Amino acid sequence: MLYQTINLLIQIIKVLIMIRIIISWVIPYSRNEFTHLVYTVTEPILRPFRVLLPIGHLRLDIAPLLAYFTLDIIRKLIFSLLFF
């Protein structure tokens, strides 16, 4: 049960990160309740990566990509500590 809950939570966050990436490419200045929800949920996760790797004058934000892969690492670490 705990395994499924953690896995589901991480998968939901990863999907929201992917949705945020797509929104930023397709309709970057869209403001509605759905985009607000996506940004509100994902920003606390992405902010630490932006602090570590500031964008500066670059036009490519790699924070979502780093967060996406870091979530996989965290999930594997949690499962290895809890279940093995």
PDB file of N, CA and C in Angstrom:
ATOM      1  N   MET A   1       0.827  -1.193   0.000  1.00  0.00           N
ATOM      2  CA  MET A   1       0.000   0.000   0.000  1.00  0.00           C
ATOM      3  C   MET A   1       0.873   1.258   0.000  1.00  0.00           C
ATOM      4  N   LEU A   2       1.880   1.299   0.859  1.00  0.00           N
ATOM      5  CA  LEU A   2       2.784   2.441   0.912  1.00  0.00           C
ATOM      6  C   LEU A   2       3.557   2.575  -0.390  1.00  0.00           C
ATOM      7  N   TYR A   3       3.976   1.447  -0.936  1.00  0.00           N
ATOM      8  CA  TYR A   3       4.689   1.427  -2.212  1.00  0.00           C
ATOM      9  C   TYR A   3       3.837   2.054  -3.312  1.00  0.00           C
ATOM     10  N   GLN A   4       2.596   1.654  -3.393  1.00  0.00           N
ATOM     11  CA  GLN A   4       1.706   2.161  -4.436  1.00  0.00           C
ATOM     12  C   GLN A   4       1.414   3.651  -4.260  1.00  0.00           C
ATOM     13  N   THR A   5       1.262   4.089  -3.030  1.00  0.00           N
ATOM     14  CA  THR A   5       0.983   5.493  -2.752  1.00  0.00           C
ATOM     15  C   THR A   5       2.156   6.378  -3.155  1.00  0.00           C
ATOM     16  N   ILE A   6       3.350   5.983  -2.753  1.00  0.00           N
ATOM     17  CA  ILE A   6       4.549   6.748  -3.113  1.00  0.00           C
ATOM     18  C   ILE A   6       4.739   6.757  -4.617  1.00  0.00           C
ATOM     19  N   ASN A   7       4.594   5.616  -5.228  1.00  0.00           N
ATOM     20  CA  ASN A   7       4.771   5.503  -6.670  1.00  0.00           C
ATOM     21  C   ASN A   7       3.742   6.370  -7.415  1.00  0.00           C
ATOM     22  N   LEU A   8       2.496   6.345  -6.980  1.00  0.00           N
ATOM     23  CA  LEU A   8       1.449   7.145  -7.616  1.00  0.00           C
ATOM     24  C   LEU A   8       1.727   8.639  -7.466  1.00  0.00           C
ATOM     25  N   LEU A   9       2.133   9.059  -6.289  1.00  0.00           N
ATOM     26  CA  LEU A   9       2.434  10.464  -6.047  1.00  0.00           C
ATOM     27  C   LEU A   9       3.568  10.954  -6.948  1.00  0.00           C
ATOM     28  N   ILE A  10       4.612  10.174  -7.052  1.00  0.00           N
ATOM     29  CA  ILE A  10       5.743  10.553  -7.906  1.00  0.00           C
ATOM     30  C   ILE A  10       5.334  10.559  -9.369  1.00  0.00           C
ATOM     31  N   GLN A  11       4.528   9.604  -9.781  1.00  0.00           N
ATOM     32  CA  GLN A  11       4.066   9.583 -11.173  1.00  0.00           C
ATOM     33  C   GLN A  11       3.194  10.794 -11.496  1.00  0.00           C
ATOM     34  N   ILE A  12       2.345  11.193 -10.575  1.00  0.00           N
ATOM     35  CA  ILE A  12       1.501  12.369 -10.783  1.00  0.00           C
ATOM     36  C   ILE A  12       2.361  13.623 -10.925  1.00  0.00           C
ATOM     37  N   ILE A  13       3.358  13.761 -10.070  1.00  0.00           N
ATOM     38  CA  ILE A  13       4.243  14.920 -10.147  1.00  0.00           C
ATOM     39  C   ILE A  13       5.008  14.927 -11.468  1.00  0.00           C
ATOM     40  N   LYS A  14       5.469  13.753 -11.906  1.00  0.00           N
ATOM     41  CA  LYS A  14       6.186  13.681 -13.177  1.00  0.00           C
ATOM     42  C   LYS A  14       5.282  14.049 -14.354  1.00  0.00           C
ATOM     43  N   VAL A  15       4.038  13.608 -14.313  1.00  0.00           N
ATOM     44  CA  VAL A  15       3.093  13.965 -15.373  1.00  0.00           C
ATOM     45  C   VAL A  15       2.841  15.477 -15.361  1.00  0.00           C
ATOM     46  N   LEU A  16       2.698  16.060 -14.196  1.00  0.00           N
ATOM     47  CA  LEU A  16       2.487  17.501 -14.109  1.00  0.00           C
ATOM     48  C   LEU A  16       3.698  18.278 -14.636  1.00  0.00           C
ATOM     49  N   ILE A  17       4.886  17.771 -14.389  1.00  0.00           N
ATOM     50  CA  ILE A  17       6.085  18.411 -14.940  1.00  0.00           C
ATOM     51  C   ILE A  17       6.067  18.334 -16.461  1.00  0.00           C
ATOM     52  N   MET A  18       5.685  17.183 -16.998  1.00  0.00           N
ATOM     53  CA  MET A  18       5.610  17.052 -18.458  1.00  0.00           C
ATOM     54  C   MET A  18       4.536  17.986 -19.033  1.00  0.00           C
ATOM     55  N   ILE A  19       3.414  18.102 -18.359  1.00  0.00           N
ATOM     56  CA  ILE A  19       2.359  19.014 -18.810  1.00  0.00           C
ATOM     57  C   ILE A  19       2.874  20.457 -18.774  1.00  0.00           C
ATOM     58  N   ARG A  20       3.612  20.790 -17.746  1.00  0.00           N
ATOM     59  CA  ARG A  20       4.172  22.142 -17.660  1.00  0.00           C
ATOM     60  C   ARG A  20       5.140  22.414 -18.808  1.00  0.00           C
ATOM     61  N   ILE A  21       5.946  21.442 -19.157  1.00  0.00           N
ATOM     62  CA  ILE A  21       6.873  21.599 -20.284  1.00  0.00           C
ATOM     63  C   ILE A  21       6.087  21.845 -21.566  1.00  0.00           C
ATOM     64  N   ILE A  22       5.060  21.038 -21.789  1.00  0.00           N
ATOM     65  CA  ILE A  22       4.250  21.180 -23.009  1.00  0.00           C
ATOM     66  C   ILE A  22       3.539  22.537 -23.035  1.00  0.00           C
ATOM     67  N   ILE A  23       2.996  22.951 -21.899  1.00  0.00           N
ATOM     68  CA  ILE A  23       2.338  24.253 -21.832  1.00  0.00           C
ATOM     69  C   ILE A  23       3.332  25.366 -22.166  1.00  0.00           C
ATOM     70  N   SER A  24       4.543  25.272 -21.633  1.00  0.00           N
ATOM     71  CA  SER A  24       5.521  26.331 -21.878  1.00  0.00           C
ATOM     72  C   SER A  24       5.943  26.387 -23.341  1.00  0.00           C
ATOM     73  N   TRP A  25       5.839  25.276 -24.069  1.00  0.00           N
ATOM     74  CA  TRP A  25       6.189  25.262 -25.493  1.00  0.00           C
ATOM     75  C   TRP A  25       5.019  25.724 -26.355  1.00  0.00           C
ATOM     76  N   VAL A  26       3.834  25.219 -26.053  1.00  0.00           N
ATOM     77  CA  VAL A  26       2.683  25.438 -26.930  1.00  0.00           C
ATOM     78  C   VAL A  26       1.993  26.774 -26.653  1.00  0.00           C
ATOM     79  N   ILE A  27       1.658  27.010 -25.408  1.00  0.00           N
ATOM     80  CA  ILE A  27       0.959  28.252 -25.042  1.00  0.00           C
ATOM     81  C   ILE A  27       1.641  28.867 -23.809  1.00  0.00           C
ATOM     82  N   PRO A  28       2.805  29.470 -23.998  1.00  0.00           N
ATOM     83  CA  PRO A  28       3.611  29.904 -22.849  1.00  0.00           C
ATOM     84  C   PRO A  28       2.980  30.984 -21.973  1.00  0.00           C
ATOM     85  N   TYR A  29       2.111  31.795 -22.505  1.00  0.00           N
ATOM     86  CA  TYR A  29       1.541  32.882 -21.705  1.00  0.00           C
ATOM     87  C   TYR A  29       0.079  32.639 -21.352  1.00  0.00           C
ATOM     88  N   SER A  30      -0.332  31.395 -21.407  1.00  0.00           N
ATOM     89  CA  SER A  30      -1.703  31.047 -21.067  1.00  0.00           C
ATOM     90  C   SER A  30      -1.885  31.133 -19.553  1.00  0.00           C
ATOM     91  N   ARG A  31      -2.956  31.765 -19.144  1.00  0.00           N
ATOM     92  CA  ARG A  31      -3.280  31.857 -17.725  1.00  0.00           C
ATOM     93  C   ARG A  31      -4.733  31.449 -17.536  1.00  0.00           C
ATOM     94  N   ASN A  32      -4.912  30.284 -16.942  1.00  0.00           N
ATOM     95  CA  ASN A  32      -6.243  29.826 -16.566  1.00  0.00           C
ATOM     96  C   ASN A  32      -6.085  28.966 -15.320  1.00  0.00           C
ATOM     97  N   GLU A  33      -7.159  28.413 -14.835  1.00  0.00           N
ATOM     98  CA  GLU A  33      -7.105  27.663 -13.577  1.00  0.00           C
ATOM     99  C   GLU A  33      -6.234  26.411 -13.689  1.00  0.00           C
ATOM    100  N   PHE A  34      -6.290  25.751 -14.828  1.00  0.00           N
ATOM    101  CA  PHE A  34      -5.498  24.535 -14.996  1.00  0.00           C
ATOM    102  C   PHE A  34      -4.005  24.843 -15.000  1.00  0.00           C
ATOM    103  N   THR A  35      -3.583  25.840 -15.778  1.00  0.00           N
ATOM    104  CA  THR A  35      -2.154  26.172 -15.806  1.00  0.00           C
ATOM    105  C   THR A  35      -1.702  26.703 -14.452  1.00  0.00           C
ATOM    106  N   HIS A  36      -2.581  27.432 -13.781  1.00  0.00           N
ATOM    107  CA  HIS A  36      -2.229  27.912 -12.435  1.00  0.00           C
ATOM    108  C   HIS A  36      -2.005  26.738 -11.479  1.00  0.00           C
ATOM    109  N   LEU A  37      -2.865  25.737 -11.555  1.00  0.00           N
ATOM    110  CA  LEU A  37      -2.705  24.548 -10.729  1.00  0.00           C
ATOM    111  C   LEU A  37      -1.389  23.835 -11.039  1.00  0.00           C
ATOM    112  N   VAL A  38      -1.093  23.641 -12.313  1.00  0.00           N
ATOM    113  CA  VAL A  38       0.131  22.953 -12.715  1.00  0.00           C
ATOM    114  C   VAL A  38       1.362  23.716 -12.224  1.00  0.00           C
ATOM    115  N   TYR A  39       1.368  25.024 -12.419  1.00  0.00           N
ATOM    116  CA  TYR A  39       2.506  25.833 -11.984  1.00  0.00           C
ATOM    117  C   TYR A  39       2.622  25.858 -10.463  1.00  0.00           C
ATOM    118  N   THR A  40       1.503  25.915  -9.765  1.00  0.00           N
ATOM    119  CA  THR A  40       1.522  25.952  -8.307  1.00  0.00           C
ATOM    120  C   THR A  40       2.082  24.655  -7.718  1.00  0.00           C
ATOM    121  N   VAL A  41       1.743  23.531  -8.317  1.00  0.00           N
ATOM    122  CA  VAL A  41       2.209  22.242  -7.808  1.00  0.00           C
ATOM    123  C   VAL A  41       3.677  22.000  -8.179  1.00  0.00           C
ATOM    124  N   THR A  42       4.077  22.381  -9.378  1.00  0.00           N
ATOM    125  CA  THR A  42       5.424  22.044  -9.843  1.00  0.00           C
ATOM    126  C   THR A  42       6.495  23.059  -9.458  1.00  0.00           C
ATOM    127  N   GLU A  43       6.128  24.292  -9.236  1.00  0.00           N
ATOM    128  CA  GLU A  43       7.147  25.314  -8.954  1.00  0.00           C
ATOM    129  C   GLU A  43       7.988  25.010  -7.711  1.00  0.00           C
ATOM    130  N   PRO A  44       7.404  24.568  -6.589  1.00  0.00           N
ATOM    131  CA  PRO A  44       8.255  24.244  -5.434  1.00  0.00           C
ATOM    132  C   PRO A  44       9.248  23.112  -5.723  1.00  0.00           C
ATOM    133  N   ILE A  45       8.922  22.250  -6.649  1.00  0.00           N
ATOM    134  CA  ILE A  45       9.826  21.156  -7.011  1.00  0.00           C
ATOM    135  C   ILE A  45      10.927  21.659  -7.935  1.00  0.00           C
ATOM    136  N   LEU A  46      10.593  22.569  -8.844  1.00  0.00           N
ATOM    137  CA  LEU A  46      11.554  23.060  -9.827  1.00  0.00           C
ATOM    138  C   LEU A  46      12.461  24.166  -9.284  1.00  0.00           C
ATOM    139  N   ARG A  47      12.003  24.921  -8.318  1.00  0.00           N
ATOM    140  CA  ARG A  47      12.765  26.060  -7.797  1.00  0.00           C
ATOM    141  C   ARG A  47      14.173  25.689  -7.323  1.00  0.00           C
ATOM    142  N   PRO A  48      14.363  24.610  -6.556  1.00  0.00           N
ATOM    143  CA  PRO A  48      15.738  24.289  -6.125  1.00  0.00           C
ATOM    144  C   PRO A  48      16.692  24.021  -7.294  1.00  0.00           C
ATOM    145  N   PHE A  49      16.186  23.449  -8.359  1.00  0.00           N
ATOM    146  CA  PHE A  49      17.033  23.185  -9.517  1.00  0.00           C
ATOM    147  C   PHE A  49      17.397  24.482 -10.236  1.00  0.00           C
ATOM    148  N   ARG A  50      16.503  25.435 -10.219  1.00  0.00           N
ATOM    149  CA  ARG A  50      16.796  26.736 -10.834  1.00  0.00           C
ATOM    150  C   ARG A  50      17.815  27.509 -10.018  1.00  0.00           C
ATOM    151  N   VAL A  51      17.808  27.302  -8.702  1.00  0.00           N
ATOM    152  CA  VAL A  51      18.800  27.956  -7.851  1.00  0.00           C
ATOM    153  C   VAL A  51      20.177  27.343  -8.115  1.00  0.00           C
ATOM    154  N   LEU A  52      20.222  26.021  -8.263  1.00  0.00           N
ATOM    155  CA  LEU A  52      21.497  25.350  -8.532  1.00  0.00           C
ATOM    156  C   LEU A  52      22.047  25.706  -9.900  1.00  0.00           C
ATOM    157  N   LEU A  53      21.169  25.768 -10.895  1.00  0.00           N
ATOM    158  CA  LEU A  53      21.571  26.066 -12.269  1.00  0.00           C
ATOM    159  C   LEU A  53      20.755  27.245 -12.793  1.00  0.00           C
ATOM    160  N   PRO A  54      21.176  28.470 -12.455  1.00  0.00           N
ATOM    161  CA  PRO A  54      20.393  29.616 -12.918  1.00  0.00           C
ATOM    162  C   PRO A  54      20.384  29.706 -14.443  1.00  0.00           C
ATOM    163  N   ILE A  55      19.255  30.133 -14.987  1.00  0.00           N
ATOM    164  CA  ILE A  55      19.092  30.219 -16.431  1.00  0.00           C
ATOM    165  C   ILE A  55      19.952  31.343 -17.004  1.00  0.00           C
ATOM    166  N   GLY A  56      19.971  32.479 -16.328  1.00  0.00           N
ATOM    167  CA  GLY A  56      20.737  33.619 -16.835  1.00  0.00           C
ATOM    168  C   GLY A  56      20.217  34.056 -18.185  1.00  0.00           C
ATOM    169  N   HIS A  57      21.107  34.149 -19.161  1.00  0.00           N
ATOM    170  CA  HIS A  57      20.723  34.579 -20.502  1.00  0.00           C
ATOM    171  C   HIS A  57      20.357  33.408 -21.410  1.00  0.00           C
ATOM    172  N   LEU A  58      20.430  32.200 -20.892  1.00  0.00           N
ATOM    173  CA  LEU A  58      20.045  31.042 -21.690  1.00  0.00           C
ATOM    174  C   LEU A  58      18.535  31.029 -21.885  1.00  0.00           C
ATOM    175  N   ARG A  59      18.109  30.479 -22.943  1.00  0.00           N
ATOM    176  CA  ARG A  59      16.673  30.427 -23.225  1.00  0.00           C
ATOM    177  C   ARG A  59      16.101  29.047 -22.928  1.00  0.00           C
ATOM    178  N   LEU A  60      16.938  28.138 -22.473  1.00  0.00           N
ATOM    179  CA  LEU A  60      16.493  26.774 -22.207  1.00  0.00           C
ATOM    180  C   LEU A  60      16.521  26.508 -20.709  1.00  0.00           C
ATOM    181  N   ASP A  61      15.381  26.195 -20.161  1.00  0.00           N
ATOM    182  CA  ASP A  61      15.263  25.878 -18.739  1.00  0.00           C
ATOM    183  C   ASP A  61      15.339  24.366 -18.588  1.00  0.00           C
ATOM    184  N   ILE A  62      16.423  23.877 -17.991  1.00  0.00           N
ATOM    185  CA  ILE A  62      16.579  22.430 -17.839  1.00  0.00           C
ATOM    186  C   ILE A  62      16.133  21.941 -16.461  1.00  0.00           C
ATOM    187  N   ALA A  63      15.607  22.837 -15.640  1.00  0.00           N
ATOM    188  CA  ALA A  63      15.132  22.443 -14.312  1.00  0.00           C
ATOM    189  C   ALA A  63      14.068  21.348 -14.376  1.00  0.00           C
ATOM    190  N   PRO A  64      13.076  21.417 -15.285  1.00  0.00           N
ATOM    191  CA  PRO A  64      12.096  20.324 -15.335  1.00  0.00           C
ATOM    192  C   PRO A  64      12.725  18.975 -15.687  1.00  0.00           C
ATOM    193  N   LEU A  65      13.677  18.992 -16.571  1.00  0.00           N
ATOM    194  CA  LEU A  65      14.353  17.748 -16.948  1.00  0.00           C
ATOM    195  C   LEU A  65      15.127  17.167 -15.771  1.00  0.00           C
ATOM    196  N   LEU A  66      15.847  18.007 -15.060  1.00  0.00           N
ATOM    197  CA  LEU A  66      16.592  17.552 -13.888  1.00  0.00           C
ATOM    198  C   LEU A  66      15.648  17.045 -12.796  1.00  0.00           C
ATOM    199  N   ALA A  67      14.553  17.749 -12.581  1.00  0.00           N
ATOM    200  CA  ALA A  67      13.586  17.323 -11.564  1.00  0.00           C
ATOM    201  C   ALA A  67      12.959  15.989 -11.937  1.00  0.00           C
ATOM    202  N   TYR A  68      12.641  15.820 -13.204  1.00  0.00           N
ATOM    203  CA  TYR A  68      12.024  14.582 -13.682  1.00  0.00           C
ATOM    204  C   TYR A  68      12.916  13.376 -13.366  1.00  0.00           C
ATOM    205  N   PHE A  69      14.197  13.483 -13.694  1.00  0.00           N
ATOM    206  CA  PHE A  69      15.104  12.368 -13.444  1.00  0.00           C
ATOM    207  C   PHE A  69      15.457  12.221 -11.965  1.00  0.00           C
ATOM    208  N   THR A  70      15.500  13.324 -11.252  1.00  0.00           N
ATOM    209  CA  THR A  70      15.772  13.257  -9.818  1.00  0.00           C
ATOM    210  C   THR A  70      14.635  12.563  -9.077  1.00  0.00           C
ATOM    211  N   LEU A  71      13.402  12.775  -9.528  1.00  0.00           N
ATOM    212  CA  LEU A  71      12.270  12.076  -8.910  1.00  0.00           C
ATOM    213  C   LEU A  71      12.400  10.568  -9.063  1.00  0.00           C
ATOM    214  N   ASP A  72      12.885  10.110 -10.201  1.00  0.00           N
ATOM    215  CA  ASP A  72      13.123   8.676 -10.377  1.00  0.00           C
ATOM    216  C   ASP A  72      14.185   8.169  -9.408  1.00  0.00           C
ATOM    217  N   ILE A  73      15.244   8.924  -9.247  1.00  0.00           N
ATOM    218  CA  ILE A  73      16.317   8.528  -8.329  1.00  0.00           C
ATOM    219  C   ILE A  73      15.801   8.494  -6.899  1.00  0.00           C
ATOM    220  N   ILE A  74      15.030   9.499  -6.521  1.00  0.00           N
ATOM    221  CA  ILE A  74      14.469   9.544  -5.163  1.00  0.00           C
ATOM    222  C   ILE A  74      13.525   8.372  -4.934  1.00  0.00           C
ATOM    223  N   ARG A  75      12.691   8.076  -5.931  1.00  0.00           N
ATOM    224  CA  ARG A  75      11.764   6.944  -5.801  1.00  0.00           C
ATOM    225  C   ARG A  75      12.533   5.640  -5.600  1.00  0.00           C
ATOM    226  N   LYS A  76      13.554   5.418  -6.393  1.00  0.00           N
ATOM    227  CA  LYS A  76      14.350   4.194  -6.261  1.00  0.00           C
ATOM    228  C   LYS A  76      15.052   4.135  -4.914  1.00  0.00           C
ATOM    229  N   LEU A  77      15.554   5.264  -4.446  1.00  0.00           N
ATOM    230  CA  LEU A  77      16.224   5.314  -3.154  1.00  0.00           C
ATOM    231  C   LEU A  77      15.241   5.009  -2.023  1.00  0.00           C
ATOM    232  N   ILE A  78      14.067   5.601  -2.068  1.00  0.00           N
ATOM    233  CA  ILE A  78      13.053   5.346  -1.041  1.00  0.00           C
ATOM    234  C   ILE A  78      12.653   3.879  -1.026  1.00  0.00           C
ATOM    235  N   PHE A  79      12.417   3.318  -2.213  1.00  0.00           N
ATOM    236  CA  PHE A  79      11.999   1.921  -2.272  1.00  0.00           C
ATOM    237  C   PHE A  79      13.108   0.982  -1.811  1.00  0.00           C
ATOM    238  N   SER A  80      14.339   1.305  -2.119  1.00  0.00           N
ATOM    239  CA  SER A  80      15.425   0.426  -1.686  1.00  0.00           C
ATOM    240  C   SER A  80      15.600   0.499  -0.165  1.00  0.00           C
ATOM    241  N   LEU A  81      15.357   1.673   0.425  1.00  0.00           N
ATOM    242  CA  LEU A  81      15.482   1.809   1.874  1.00  0.00           C
ATOM    243  C   LEU A  81      14.302   1.196   2.618  1.00  0.00           C
ATOM    244  N   LEU A  82      13.112   1.330   2.061  1.00  0.00           N
ATOM    245  CA  LEU A  82      11.920   0.847   2.760  1.00  0.00           C
ATOM    246  C   LEU A  82      11.635  -0.645   2.569  1.00  0.00           C
ATOM    247  N   PHE A  83      11.949  -1.157   1.395  1.00  0.00           N
ATOM    248  CA  PHE A  83      11.465  -2.489   1.064  1.00  0.00           C
ATOM    249  C   PHE A  83      12.555  -3.530   0.866  1.00  0.00           C
ATOM    250  N   PHE A  84      13.810  -3.148   1.096  1.00  0.00           N
ATOM    251  CA  PHE A  84      14.860  -4.166   0.945  1.00  0.00           C
ATOM    252  C   PHE A  84      15.814  -4.142   2.093  1.00  0.00           C
TER     253      PHE A  84
END
